Amino acid sequence: MSEPSDVLVVDDENRLADLFAAWLSSEWTVTTAYDGEEALEEITDTVQVVLLDRRMPGLSGDEVLRSIRADGYDCRVVMVTAVDPDFDIIEMGFDDYLVKPIAKQELLETVEHVVARGEYERAVQRYYALVSKKGLLESEKSDRELAENEEYRELCARVDELEAQVDDRLSELSSHAEFVAAFEDLRSRN
């Protein structure tokens, strides 16, 4: 297995996979896989984004996607394919879909956007988990007990910090469509 990577490019067209990897390598650590079996060998917990072709001989991109989700990898998957989307995509667990041919800038922006959506989702989950704990303590403890407890004050500070972080991440999502996609990601994973 290779070094840990941020992006795994999976395409049976070797030159295209290598081109995508070259485009991304200035910003990301990239690994390439030239078929579905190799993709499943190369994926690790360090992979943030998988760029995945749908039509490959042997193990298809759809099958690789199902395996990635079934194995519990917490990465974003972008289908990068010549297959025009059809209604079968509704139940598929990918985060974005690009139809070839694609330009370098489109690929770079897509990777950046799905990473930002993932960071937003994680921040929102942490925020709501802490807000829930804070609310539970406030319903069970007196104001005096809360005021005297250092751990509670630290929890309140962390809630405020995460709220600001969530607001910052939300402003990074530049369009309504990205916000909706991030919200749907969050909802579908819970």
Protein backbone atom coordinates (compact mmCIF):
# COMPACT_ATOMS: atom_id res chain seq x y z
CA MET A 1 0.00 0.00 0.00
CA SER A 2 1.20 3.52 -0.80
CA GLU A 3 1.64 6.57 1.44
CA PRO A 4 -1.49 8.07 3.06
CA SER A 5 -3.34 10.29 0.61
CA ASP A 6 -5.97 12.99 0.61
CA VAL A 7 -7.43 12.15 -2.80
CA LEU A 8 -7.84 8.79 -4.51
CA VAL A 9 -8.34 9.01 -8.28
CA VAL A 10 -9.97 5.89 -9.74
CA ASP A 11 -10.25 5.53 -13.51
CA ASP A 12 -9.46 2.71 -15.91
CA GLU A 13 -8.18 5.26 -18.43
CA ASN A 14 -4.62 5.48 -17.06
CA ARG A 15 -3.71 8.71 -18.83
CA LEU A 16 -6.84 10.45 -17.60
CA ALA A 17 -6.32 9.25 -14.03
CA ASP A 18 -2.71 10.46 -14.19
CA LEU A 19 -3.84 13.83 -15.61
CA PHE A 20 -6.36 14.32 -12.79
CA ALA A 21 -3.67 13.35 -10.26
CA ALA A 22 -1.25 15.87 -11.78
CA TRP A 23 -3.89 18.62 -11.64
CA LEU A 24 -4.56 17.91 -7.96
CA SER A 25 -1.00 17.22 -6.78
CA SER A 26 -0.11 20.86 -6.10
CA GLU A 27 -2.82 21.04 -3.41
CA TRP A 28 -3.33 17.45 -2.32
CA THR A 29 -1.51 14.18 -1.77
CA VAL A 30 -2.92 11.97 -4.53
CA THR A 31 -3.01 8.23 -5.15
CA THR A 32 -4.25 6.68 -8.38
CA ALA A 33 -5.98 3.38 -8.96
CA TYR A 34 -6.66 2.06 -12.44
CA ASP A 35 -9.52 -0.31 -11.62
CA GLY A 36 -12.10 -1.00 -8.92
CA GLU A 37 -10.16 -3.74 -7.14
CA GLU A 38 -7.08 -1.53 -6.87
CA ALA A 39 -9.26 1.31 -5.55
CA LEU A 40 -10.48 -0.85 -2.67
CA GLU A 41 -6.88 -1.84 -1.91
CA GLU A 42 -5.72 1.80 -1.90
CA ILE A 43 -8.48 3.43 0.13
CA THR A 44 -7.56 4.29 3.70
CA ASP A 45 -8.99 6.39 6.49
CA THR A 46 -6.76 9.29 5.37
CA VAL A 47 -8.54 9.62 2.02
CA GLN A 48 -10.82 12.66 2.07
CA VAL A 49 -12.07 12.50 -1.52
CA VAL A 50 -12.44 9.69 -4.05
CA LEU A 51 -12.79 10.67 -7.71
CA LEU A 52 -14.50 7.62 -9.14
CA ASP A 53 -15.26 6.55 -12.70
CA ARG A 54 -18.54 4.62 -13.00
CA ARG A 55 -17.77 2.38 -15.97
CA MET A 56 -14.74 0.21 -15.45
CA PRO A 57 -14.10 -3.39 -16.41
CA GLY A 58 -14.29 -5.81 -13.50
CA LEU A 59 -15.52 -3.98 -10.43
CA SER A 60 -17.58 -0.98 -11.57
CA GLY A 61 -17.51 2.42 -9.93
CA ASP A 62 -21.03 1.82 -8.60
CA GLU A 63 -19.79 -1.35 -6.86
CA VAL A 64 -16.72 0.45 -5.50
CA LEU A 65 -18.98 3.20 -4.14
CA ARG A 66 -21.21 0.65 -2.39
CA SER A 67 -18.13 -1.01 -0.85
CA ILE A 68 -16.71 2.33 0.33
CA ARG A 69 -19.99 3.17 2.07
CA ALA A 70 -20.52 -0.36 3.42
CA ASP A 71 -17.00 -0.39 4.86
CA GLY A 72 -17.72 2.86 6.68
CA TYR A 73 -15.12 5.12 5.11
CA ASP A 74 -15.86 8.74 5.94
CA CYS A 75 -14.77 10.26 2.66
CA ARG A 76 -16.44 12.27 -0.05
CA VAL A 77 -17.03 10.51 -3.36
CA VAL A 78 -17.26 12.40 -6.62
CA MET A 79 -18.34 10.40 -9.62
CA VAL A 80 -16.22 11.59 -12.57
CA THR A 81 -17.62 9.74 -15.51
CA ALA A 82 -18.79 9.77 -19.11
CA VAL A 83 -22.10 8.23 -17.98
CA ASP A 84 -24.86 10.83 -18.13
CA PRO A 85 -26.85 10.85 -14.89
CA ASP A 86 -30.18 9.05 -14.85
CA PHE A 87 -32.73 8.34 -12.14
CA ASP A 88 -30.54 5.51 -10.80
CA ILE A 89 -28.35 8.17 -9.14
CA ILE A 90 -31.06 9.07 -6.62
CA GLU A 91 -30.17 6.27 -4.22
CA MET A 92 -26.41 6.35 -4.84
CA GLY A 93 -24.20 7.54 -1.98
CA PHE A 94 -21.96 9.97 -3.84
CA ASP A 95 -21.39 13.62 -2.95
CA ASP A 96 -21.06 15.14 -6.42
CA TYR A 97 -21.24 14.06 -10.05
CA LEU A 98 -19.14 15.36 -12.93
CA VAL A 99 -19.66 14.32 -16.54
CA LYS A 100 -16.52 14.02 -18.67
CA PRO A 101 -14.91 15.87 -20.25
CA ILE A 102 -14.13 18.24 -17.39
CA ALA A 103 -11.75 21.15 -17.09
CA LYS A 104 -8.96 21.44 -14.55
CA GLN A 105 -10.61 24.35 -12.71
CA GLU A 106 -13.92 22.48 -12.44
CA LEU A 107 -12.17 19.46 -10.92
CA LEU A 108 -10.17 21.56 -8.44
CA GLU A 109 -13.24 23.54 -7.36
CA THR A 110 -15.32 20.40 -6.94
CA VAL A 111 -12.72 18.78 -4.68
CA GLU A 112 -12.45 21.97 -2.60
CA HIS A 113 -16.25 22.25 -2.29
CA VAL A 114 -16.85 18.65 -1.20
CA VAL A 115 -14.07 18.96 1.40
CA ALA A 116 -15.63 22.20 2.71
CA ARG A 117 -19.04 20.49 2.91
CA GLY A 118 -17.51 17.62 4.88
CA GLU A 119 -15.84 20.01 7.31
CA TYR A 120 -19.14 21.85 7.74
CA GLU A 121 -20.96 18.61 8.43
CA ARG A 122 -18.45 17.52 11.09
CA ALA A 123 -18.54 20.95 12.76
CA VAL A 124 -22.36 20.92 12.86
CA GLN A 125 -22.41 17.42 14.36
CA ARG A 126 -19.91 18.41 17.08
CA TYR A 127 -21.84 21.61 17.75
CA TYR A 128 -25.18 19.87 18.20
CA ALA A 129 -23.67 17.15 20.38
CA LEU A 130 -22.27 19.81 22.74
CA VAL A 131 -25.48 21.88 22.66
CA SER A 132 -27.39 18.74 23.65
CA LYS A 133 -25.07 18.14 26.61
CA LYS A 134 -25.32 21.78 27.65
CA GLY A 135 -29.12 21.67 27.47
CA LEU A 136 -29.26 18.47 29.50
CA LEU A 137 -27.06 19.94 32.24
CA GLU A 138 -29.12 23.14 32.29
CA SER A 139 -32.31 21.14 32.76
CA GLU A 140 -30.86 19.07 35.61
CA LYS A 141 -28.61 21.48 37.53
CA SER A 142 -29.29 24.74 39.33
CA ASP A 143 -27.94 28.04 38.03
CA ARG A 144 -25.57 28.18 41.00
CA GLU A 145 -24.22 24.67 40.33
CA LEU A 146 -23.68 25.55 36.69
CA ALA A 147 -21.95 28.84 37.51
CA GLU A 148 -19.57 27.13 39.94
CA ASN A 149 -18.59 24.26 37.62
CA GLU A 150 -15.42 24.78 35.56
CA GLU A 151 -16.27 21.94 33.13
CA TYR A 152 -19.64 23.54 32.37
CA ARG A 153 -18.01 26.94 31.71
CA GLU A 154 -15.53 25.22 29.36
CA LEU A 155 -18.44 23.49 27.62
CA CYS A 156 -20.18 26.86 27.11
CA ALA A 157 -16.98 28.33 25.67
CA ARG A 158 -16.61 25.35 23.32
CA VAL A 159 -20.26 25.72 22.19
CA ASP A 160 -19.64 29.41 21.41
CA GLU A 161 -16.42 28.54 19.55
CA LEU A 162 -18.11 25.84 17.48
CA GLU A 163 -21.07 28.09 16.71
CA ALA A 164 -18.65 30.64 15.22
CA GLN A 165 -16.86 27.86 13.34
CA VAL A 166 -20.13 26.57 11.89
CA ASP A 167 -21.06 30.11 10.82
CA ASP A 168 -17.63 30.53 9.16
CA ARG A 169 -17.97 27.20 7.33
CA LEU A 170 -21.45 28.14 6.18
CA SER A 171 -20.15 31.37 4.66
CA GLU A 172 -17.54 29.29 2.76
CA LEU A 173 -20.32 27.41 1.00
CA SER A 174 -20.77 29.91 -1.76
CA SER A 175 -24.16 28.95 -3.11
CA HIS A 176 -27.57 27.82 -1.99
CA ALA A 177 -27.02 24.54 -3.85
CA GLU A 178 -23.86 23.83 -1.84
CA PHE A 179 -25.68 24.56 1.43
CA VAL A 180 -28.53 22.24 0.45
CA ALA A 181 -26.02 19.54 -0.50
CA ALA A 182 -24.20 19.91 2.83
CA PHE A 183 -27.48 19.79 4.74
CA GLU A 184 -28.59 16.69 2.81
CA ASP A 185 -25.20 15.04 3.49
CA LEU A 186 -25.68 15.68 7.19
CA ARG A 187 -29.27 14.45 7.19
CA SER A 188 -28.54 11.29 5.20
CA ARG A 189 -25.64 10.24 7.45
CA ASN A 190 -27.67 10.54 10.68
